Structure formats: C-alpha cells, structure tokens
C-alpha cells in the first residue's frame, strides 16, 4: 500500500471511529436500533467501490497532477501562484467542482438513479456519508481525473482535499448534536450536520437544497441554501419514500437500486 492510500485509510478509520463515539454520547436524533446492520451495508458499499475503482482506474488524480506539473502543463502552473495560494485555490476549486457535480446528480435522471442510493438511507449518521453507489464513485473519480488533467494542481493539495472531503462528508452526515450557537458559527466555514440533514429530507423542496460537502459558501452563492428543515431536525422524515423497507439495507438490494 502506497503512502497516499495509507494516509487516506488512516484518516477514514480515525474519523469514523471518533464520530461513532461522539454520536453515541451526543446524538441529535434518537439512536436507531440495529445500527450495526446498517453499517455493514453502508461500509460494504465502500469496499465494493474501492475494488471497482482499482480495477477501472489504474491512476489516481494525485498522480495525474504530479505527471503534468513535471512537464510544465496545466492551468495552475501557468498562473505562477505562491505555493500556499495555489494550495488554497486547489481545495476551493475542487470543492466547488464537487458542489456542481452533486447538483448534476440531482438534475439529470440517469445520474439521480445512481445517487438515490445515498438518499435512500432512512437514518442519518456518519456511515451515510460514505454510502454512494460504486458507479457514482467511478463517475466522480473520472471527473476528478479530468480536473487534475486540466488544472495540474499541487499533488499534496489534491491529497489534502481528498482527506478533507472524505472526513467532512462523514462529519456532516453524523447524528451529532452541536449546541445551536456553535452550529451557527461553524456553518460559516464548514457544512454542519444540521445544515446537511436538510438535504436528506423526504420533502423534494428540501432535498434539493444544501448540496455542499465541505464548505457552505457555494449554497449561499448559488441560492441553494436552507437554514433549517420545516419539520424540525428531531422529527423530519429522512430518506426516500420508495425505499423504506428494511430489505433495502442489504448490500445486494442497495447495489440494485439504480436499476429498480
């Protein structure tokens, strides 16, 4: 296993463990019985996705960026930015790209059929943050490879963004209570669980709001921000009405959702 994968795996395990403990201590919603069974399905999807992208994509965005930069190609090297500014620009640009990608997965029906597996989770905890269909992960990686080829950003900034994206996705899906004053301050710079939970409402007007993964600015800038759900965080129904049975928590049923 190379250094990049060790860093990403370590950050994933550390973040998941910490959030699971915090959810047990300070839950936002009443904990759901049998969450271990949900975790098996949700984390099983991660394993399938990892195998798929290893088979389909022999190269990672970080390697593409490094190769192009060594040849003096790409947009970012031509700008001549200081290293710190280039790193900040990389992380902000990639996060904006993920916001745009997320909106596309809601707007175009073939993409929505893949993405709805993520929304079909009827509970909301850190494991929901990694519950994405393997085909969606593959398309997202192809998009990131194209961005790396176009921008040729600093490889370490690409790695930093991947770690940030993965960790914040688990954080903003956590069943975690933050004191409301702390939430109001934190959501100025990060997408918080209360902010993103709105996006998992069964109400179509709400699940087309709050698309951001890391930073909340894009939702405010593009008028997709909603501060709170209409029915309140403790009682709002979550998930999709067409996939509510417990059978949809099994890994085979989850993988089959785009084709239902």
Protein backbone atom coordinates (compact mmCIF):
# COMPACT_ATOMS: atom_id res chain seq x y z
CA UNK A 1 0.00 0.00 0.00
CA UNK A 2 1.48 3.39 -1.01
CA UNK A 3 1.74 6.47 1.18
CA UNK A 4 -1.35 8.15 -0.29
CA UNK A 5 -3.59 5.18 0.49
CA UNK A 6 -2.16 4.81 4.00
CA UNK A 7 -2.96 8.45 4.74
CA UNK A 8 -6.46 8.21 3.31
CA UNK A 9 -7.25 4.94 5.09
CA UNK A 10 -5.87 6.24 8.38
CA UNK A 11 -7.95 9.43 8.16
CA UNK A 12 -11.05 7.39 7.28
CA UNK A 13 -10.68 4.99 10.22
CA UNK A 14 -9.84 7.77 12.69
CA UNK A 15 -12.75 9.98 11.59
CA UNK A 16 -15.27 7.13 11.54
CA UNK A 17 -14.22 5.89 14.98
CA UNK A 18 -14.32 9.36 16.52
CA UNK A 19 -17.71 10.22 15.02
CA UNK A 20 -19.26 6.89 16.05
CA UNK A 21 -18.19 7.57 19.63
CA UNK A 22 -19.48 11.15 19.54
CA UNK A 23 -22.82 10.02 18.08
CA UNK A 24 -23.22 7.59 20.98
CA UNK A 25 -22.52 10.34 23.51
CA UNK A 26 -24.34 13.30 21.92
CA UNK A 27 -26.96 12.13 19.40
CA UNK A 28 -29.08 14.70 17.56
CA UNK A 29 -31.88 12.23 16.88
CA UNK A 30 -32.90 9.20 18.91
CA UNK A 31 -30.45 6.41 18.03
CA UNK A 32 -31.92 3.78 15.78
CA UNK A 33 -31.89 0.12 16.87
CA UNK A 34 -29.74 -2.20 14.81
CA UNK A 35 -27.36 0.42 13.52
CA UNK A 36 -24.61 -2.19 13.24
CA UNK A 37 -26.62 -3.84 10.47
CA UNK A 38 -26.82 -0.54 8.60
CA UNK A 39 -23.10 -0.08 8.99
CA UNK A 40 -22.46 -3.47 7.37
CA UNK A 41 -24.36 -2.39 4.26
CA UNK A 42 -23.09 1.17 4.13
CA UNK A 43 -19.45 0.27 4.73
CA UNK A 44 -19.80 -2.74 2.43
CA UNK A 45 -20.52 -0.31 -0.39
CA UNK A 46 -17.19 1.37 0.35
CA UNK A 47 -15.38 -1.95 -0.08
CA UNK A 48 -17.10 -2.66 -3.41
CA UNK A 49 -16.36 0.86 -4.65
CA UNK A 50 -12.70 0.56 -3.69
CA UNK A 51 -12.30 -2.66 -5.67
CA UNK A 52 -14.15 -1.21 -8.67
CA UNK A 53 -12.07 1.96 -8.96
CA UNK A 54 -8.84 -0.01 -8.55
CA UNK A 55 -9.82 -2.19 -11.49
CA UNK A 56 -11.19 0.55 -13.75
CA UNK A 57 -8.75 3.37 -12.99
CA UNK A 58 -5.06 2.43 -12.82
CA UNK A 59 -4.06 6.01 -11.95
CA UNK A 60 -5.19 8.49 -9.27
CA UNK A 61 -5.80 12.26 -9.62
CA UNK A 62 -2.73 12.95 -7.47
CA UNK A 63 -0.50 11.03 -9.90
CA UNK A 64 -2.03 12.77 -12.94
CA UNK A 65 -1.41 16.17 -11.37
CA UNK A 66 2.19 15.27 -10.50
CA UNK A 67 2.93 13.99 -14.01
CA UNK A 68 1.55 17.08 -15.76
CA UNK A 69 3.25 19.50 -13.40
CA UNK A 70 6.59 17.83 -14.05
CA UNK A 71 6.09 18.69 -17.72
CA UNK A 72 5.01 22.27 -17.03
CA UNK A 73 1.48 21.61 -18.26
CA UNK A 74 -1.86 22.58 -16.80
CA UNK A 75 -3.60 25.77 -15.71
CA UNK A 76 -2.25 26.20 -12.19
CA UNK A 77 1.48 26.03 -13.06
CA UNK A 78 0.92 28.75 -15.68
CA UNK A 79 -0.52 31.13 -13.08
CA UNK A 80 2.66 31.33 -11.04
CA UNK A 81 0.84 31.46 -7.70
CA UNK A 82 2.74 31.18 -4.40
CA UNK A 83 2.56 27.60 -3.02
CA UNK A 84 0.16 28.48 -0.19
CA UNK A 85 -2.20 30.37 -2.52
CA UNK A 86 -2.07 27.54 -5.04
CA UNK A 87 -2.99 25.00 -2.35
CA UNK A 88 -5.94 27.11 -1.16
CA UNK A 89 -7.10 27.65 -4.74
CA UNK A 90 -6.88 23.90 -5.41
CA UNK A 91 -9.00 22.95 -2.41
CA UNK A 92 -11.59 25.67 -3.10
CA UNK A 93 -11.82 24.84 -6.81
CA UNK A 94 -12.19 21.11 -6.25
CA UNK A 95 -14.86 21.69 -3.61
CA UNK A 96 -16.79 23.94 -6.00
CA UNK A 97 -16.50 21.19 -8.62
CA UNK A 98 -17.96 18.66 -6.17
CA UNK A 99 -20.84 21.04 -5.46
CA UNK A 100 -21.53 21.28 -9.20
CA UNK A 101 -21.26 17.51 -9.57
CA UNK A 102 -23.72 16.99 -6.73
CA UNK A 103 -26.25 19.27 -8.36
CA UNK A 104 -25.82 17.40 -11.65
CA UNK A 105 -26.56 14.09 -9.91
CA UNK A 106 -29.85 15.57 -8.74
CA UNK A 107 -30.77 17.28 -12.00
CA UNK A 108 -30.21 14.55 -14.61
CA UNK A 109 -32.34 11.45 -14.15
CA UNK A 110 -29.73 8.79 -15.14
CA UNK A 111 -27.33 10.28 -12.59
CA UNK A 112 -30.09 10.59 -9.99
CA UNK A 113 -30.82 6.86 -10.30
CA UNK A 114 -27.26 6.24 -9.10
CA UNK A 115 -27.27 8.94 -6.45
CA UNK A 116 -30.60 7.96 -4.91
CA UNK A 117 -28.92 5.01 -3.17
CA UNK A 118 -27.23 7.62 -0.98
CA UNK A 119 -30.56 9.31 -0.23
CA UNK A 120 -32.41 6.05 0.42
CA UNK A 121 -30.83 5.70 3.88
CA UNK A 122 -33.72 6.25 6.30
CA UNK A 123 -31.39 7.14 9.14
CA UNK A 124 -28.59 9.68 9.13
CA UNK A 125 -25.20 9.03 10.67
CA UNK A 126 -21.53 9.10 9.71
CA UNK A 127 -21.90 5.93 7.62
CA UNK A 128 -24.41 7.68 5.35
CA UNK A 129 -21.54 9.96 4.35
CA UNK A 130 -19.76 7.12 2.56
CA UNK A 131 -22.86 5.37 1.20
CA UNK A 132 -22.50 6.09 -2.51
CA UNK A 133 -23.12 3.66 -5.34
CA UNK A 134 -19.87 2.27 -6.82
CA UNK A 135 -20.87 3.55 -10.27
CA UNK A 136 -21.33 7.03 -8.82
CA UNK A 137 -17.89 6.80 -7.20
CA UNK A 138 -16.41 5.74 -10.55
CA UNK A 139 -18.01 8.66 -12.38
CA UNK A 140 -16.87 11.05 -9.67
CA UNK A 141 -13.31 9.76 -9.95
CA UNK A 142 -13.38 10.20 -13.73
CA UNK A 143 -14.46 13.81 -13.18
CA UNK A 144 -11.62 14.36 -10.70
CA UNK A 145 -9.12 12.88 -13.15
CA UNK A 146 -10.32 15.32 -15.81
CA UNK A 147 -9.97 18.21 -13.37
CA UNK A 148 -6.47 17.07 -12.41
CA UNK A 149 -5.51 16.93 -16.10
CA UNK A 150 -6.92 20.41 -16.76
CA UNK A 151 -5.60 22.16 -13.66
CA UNK A 152 -2.43 20.19 -12.79
CA UNK A 153 -2.78 21.28 -9.16
CA UNK A 154 -0.15 20.57 -6.48
CA UNK A 155 -0.32 16.81 -5.72
CA UNK A 156 -0.23 17.32 -1.95
CA UNK A 157 -3.15 19.76 -2.21
CA UNK A 158 -5.10 17.12 -4.14
CA UNK A 159 -4.39 14.59 -1.38
CA UNK A 160 -5.36 17.14 1.28
CA UNK A 161 -8.66 17.79 -0.49
CA UNK A 162 -9.45 14.07 -0.72
CA UNK A 163 -8.85 13.65 3.02
CA UNK A 164 -10.90 16.77 3.82
CA UNK A 165 -13.73 15.69 1.53
CA UNK A 166 -13.97 12.21 2.99
CA UNK A 167 -13.75 13.39 6.60
CA UNK A 168 -16.20 16.27 6.24
CA UNK A 169 -18.68 14.06 4.37
CA UNK A 170 -18.78 11.73 7.38
CA UNK A 171 -18.91 14.68 9.79
CA UNK A 172 -21.79 16.49 8.10
CA UNK A 173 -23.81 13.26 7.95
CA UNK A 174 -23.21 12.49 11.63
CA UNK A 175 -26.10 12.03 14.04
CA UNK A 176 -24.36 14.55 16.25
CA UNK A 177 -25.83 17.32 18.36
CA UNK A 178 -23.93 20.58 18.22
CA UNK A 179 -25.06 23.40 20.51
CA UNK A 180 -27.01 25.78 18.33
CA UNK A 181 -24.70 28.80 18.84
CA UNK A 182 -21.73 26.60 17.91
CA UNK A 183 -23.58 25.33 14.83
CA UNK A 184 -24.35 28.87 13.67
CA UNK A 185 -20.68 29.84 13.92
CA UNK A 186 -19.26 26.63 12.46
CA UNK A 187 -21.54 26.58 9.42
CA UNK A 188 -19.95 29.81 8.24
CA UNK A 189 -16.86 27.80 7.30
CA UNK A 190 -17.98 24.14 7.24
CA UNK A 191 -21.12 22.22 6.32
CA UNK A 192 -22.51 21.03 9.66
CA UNK A 193 -24.75 18.01 10.33
CA UNK A 194 -27.78 20.25 10.91
CA UNK A 195 -27.15 22.06 7.65
CA UNK A 196 -26.75 18.92 5.57
CA UNK A 197 -29.55 16.96 7.24
CA UNK A 198 -32.00 19.26 5.44
CA UNK A 199 -30.70 17.76 2.19
CA UNK A 200 -31.84 14.28 3.31
CA UNK A 201 -35.45 15.25 3.92
CA UNK A 202 -38.14 13.29 2.09
CA UNK A 203 -39.53 16.68 1.00
CA UNK A 204 -38.37 17.30 -2.57
CA UNK A 205 -38.10 21.03 -1.96
CA UNK A 206 -35.60 20.33 0.83
CA UNK A 207 -33.51 17.56 -0.69
CA UNK A 208 -32.73 19.99 -3.50
CA UNK A 209 -31.06 22.34 -1.02
CA UNK A 210 -27.70 22.35 0.79
CA UNK A 211 -25.60 20.48 -1.76
CA UNK A 212 -22.22 21.38 -0.27
CA UNK A 213 -19.90 18.73 1.14
CA UNK A 214 -17.06 20.70 2.71
CA UNK A 215 -17.70 24.42 2.55
CA UNK A 216 -21.10 26.15 2.85
CA UNK A 217 -20.33 29.14 0.64
CA UNK A 218 -21.46 27.63 -2.66
CA UNK A 219 -25.01 27.02 -1.44
CA UNK A 220 -25.28 30.62 -0.32
CA UNK A 221 -23.68 31.93 -3.51
CA UNK A 222 -25.94 29.90 -5.84
CA UNK A 223 -29.14 30.30 -3.77
CA UNK A 224 -29.49 26.65 -2.73
CA UNK A 225 -29.12 27.28 1.00
CA UNK A 226 -31.84 26.45 3.52
CA UNK A 227 -31.08 27.07 7.18
CA UNK A 228 -33.49 24.61 8.83
CA UNK A 229 -36.00 21.89 7.83
CA UNK A 230 -39.68 22.75 8.01
CA UNK A 231 -40.50 19.85 10.36
CA UNK A 232 -37.53 20.19 12.71
CA UNK A 233 -34.43 18.04 13.00
CA UNK A 234 -35.77 15.56 15.56
CA UNK A 235 -38.96 14.65 13.70
CA UNK A 236 -38.32 15.27 10.00
CA UNK A 237 -38.63 12.07 7.92
CA UNK A 238 -35.43 11.08 6.18
CA UNK A 239 -34.72 9.03 3.07
CA UNK A 240 -36.84 8.25 0.03
CA UNK A 241 -40.44 7.11 0.25
CA UNK A 242 -39.94 4.40 -2.40
CA UNK A 243 -37.14 2.62 -0.48
CA UNK A 244 -38.24 2.43 3.14
CA UNK A 245 -38.30 -1.28 3.89
CA UNK A 246 -35.54 -2.94 5.93
CA UNK A 247 -34.73 -5.17 2.96
CA UNK A 248 -33.17 -2.16 1.22
CA UNK A 249 -30.39 -2.14 3.79
CA UNK A 250 -28.82 -5.30 2.41
CA UNK A 251 -25.80 -4.77 0.19
CA UNK A 252 -27.27 -6.58 -2.88
CA UNK A 253 -30.51 -4.54 -2.70
CA UNK A 254 -28.54 -1.31 -2.30
CA UNK A 255 -26.40 -2.07 -5.35
CA UNK A 256 -29.52 -2.88 -7.36
CA UNK A 257 -31.33 0.41 -6.56
CA UNK A 258 -30.33 2.26 -9.75
CA UNK A 259 -31.96 -0.47 -11.82
CA UNK A 260 -35.26 -0.64 -9.93
